[in-house]
Amino acid sequence: MNPDLLIASAVTIPALFITIRYVAKCCIQPFGTCRKCQGKRHLPKRIGRGTHECRRCKGTGLRLRWGRHLFNFTRRLHSDGTR
């Protein structure tokens, strides 16, 4: 077997597997936990006591995944272009 082909397949096959797995995750579970509040929905105030809603997720604790953003954008672009 050619060493160049072996190296190329050793890099390509895991990358393809990871990509397919991420696409499946975006389709099955489009929302992930918010990175700022870690899904807790509230953040502590800087001064004093108490908490306030997370501005990034608007208090839901969830965010739309990057891959799902891309999918929604391309779907919207296609539907707007074919009307």
Protein backbone atom coordinates (compact mmCIF):
# COMPACT_ATOMS: atom_id res chain seq x y z
CA MET A 1 0.00 0.00 0.00
CA ASN A 2 1.21 3.48 -0.83
CA PRO A 3 2.37 5.40 2.31
CA ASP A 4 0.82 8.65 1.04
CA LEU A 5 -2.55 6.97 0.64
CA LEU A 6 -2.28 5.47 4.11
CA ILE A 7 -1.55 8.87 5.70
CA ALA A 8 -4.35 10.56 3.73
CA SER A 9 -6.88 7.94 4.76
CA ALA A 10 -5.70 8.08 8.39
CA VAL A 11 -6.56 11.80 8.43
CA THR A 12 -9.66 11.81 6.23
CA ILE A 13 -11.64 8.95 7.76
CA PRO A 14 -11.66 10.27 11.37
CA ALA A 15 -12.44 13.81 10.14
CA LEU A 16 -15.35 12.48 8.08
CA PHE A 17 -16.63 10.46 11.06
CA ILE A 18 -16.49 13.51 13.36
CA THR A 19 -18.29 15.67 10.79
CA ILE A 20 -21.10 13.16 10.26
CA ARG A 21 -21.50 12.76 14.00
CA TYR A 22 -21.76 16.55 14.50
CA VAL A 23 -24.33 16.88 11.70
CA ALA A 24 -26.42 14.13 13.29
CA LYS A 25 -26.14 15.87 16.68
CA CYS A 26 -27.32 19.16 15.14
CA CYS A 27 -30.34 17.44 13.58
CA ILE A 28 -31.32 15.45 16.65
CA GLN A 29 -30.50 18.02 19.34
CA PRO A 30 -30.23 21.52 17.81
CA PHE A 31 -29.84 23.30 21.15
CA GLY A 32 -26.85 23.07 23.49
CA THR A 33 -26.24 24.54 26.92
CA CYS A 34 -25.28 28.19 27.15
CA ARG A 35 -21.53 28.66 27.60
CA LYS A 36 -21.84 31.77 29.71
CA CYS A 37 -24.25 30.52 32.41
CA GLN A 38 -23.59 26.77 31.87
CA GLY A 39 -27.35 26.20 31.51
CA LYS A 40 -28.18 27.66 34.94
CA ARG A 41 -30.20 30.52 33.37
CA HIS A 42 -29.05 33.10 35.92
CA LEU A 43 -25.76 34.85 36.68
CA PRO A 44 -24.67 36.46 39.94
CA LYS A 45 -24.69 40.25 40.03
CA ARG A 46 -21.35 42.01 40.12
CA ILE A 47 -22.16 44.19 43.10
CA GLY A 48 -24.40 43.06 45.91
CA ARG A 49 -26.48 39.96 46.22
CA GLY A 50 -28.89 38.30 43.86
CA THR A 51 -28.85 37.15 40.30
CA HIS A 52 -30.00 38.33 36.90
CA GLU A 53 -30.99 36.56 33.70
CA CYS A 54 -28.23 35.57 31.33
CA ARG A 55 -28.24 38.00 28.39
CA ARG A 56 -26.70 35.56 25.94
CA CYS A 57 -29.42 32.90 26.23
CA LYS A 58 -32.15 35.27 27.51
CA GLY A 59 -32.69 33.12 30.58
CA THR A 60 -33.41 29.84 28.78
CA GLY A 61 -30.08 28.14 29.48
CA LEU A 62 -29.96 26.98 25.85
CA ARG A 63 -28.26 28.22 22.68
CA LEU A 64 -28.57 27.20 19.05
CA ARG A 65 -25.57 25.18 17.86
CA TRP A 66 -23.24 26.66 15.24
CA GLY A 67 -23.98 23.89 12.76
CA ARG A 68 -27.72 24.45 13.12
CA HIS A 69 -27.22 28.19 12.48
CA LEU A 70 -25.43 27.28 9.26
CA PHE A 71 -28.15 24.79 8.26
CA ASN A 72 -30.92 27.34 8.91
CA PHE A 73 -29.04 30.01 6.94
CA THR A 74 -28.51 27.79 3.89
CA ARG A 75 -32.11 26.55 3.96
CA ARG A 76 -33.42 30.13 4.16
CA LEU A 77 -31.06 31.26 1.38
CA HIS A 78 -32.23 28.42 -0.87
CA SER A 79 -35.92 29.04 -0.23
CA ASP A 80 -35.54 32.77 -0.84
CA GLY A 81 -33.67 32.14 -4.08
CA THR A 82 -36.14 29.64 -5.51
CA ARG A 83 -39.40 31.50 -4.92
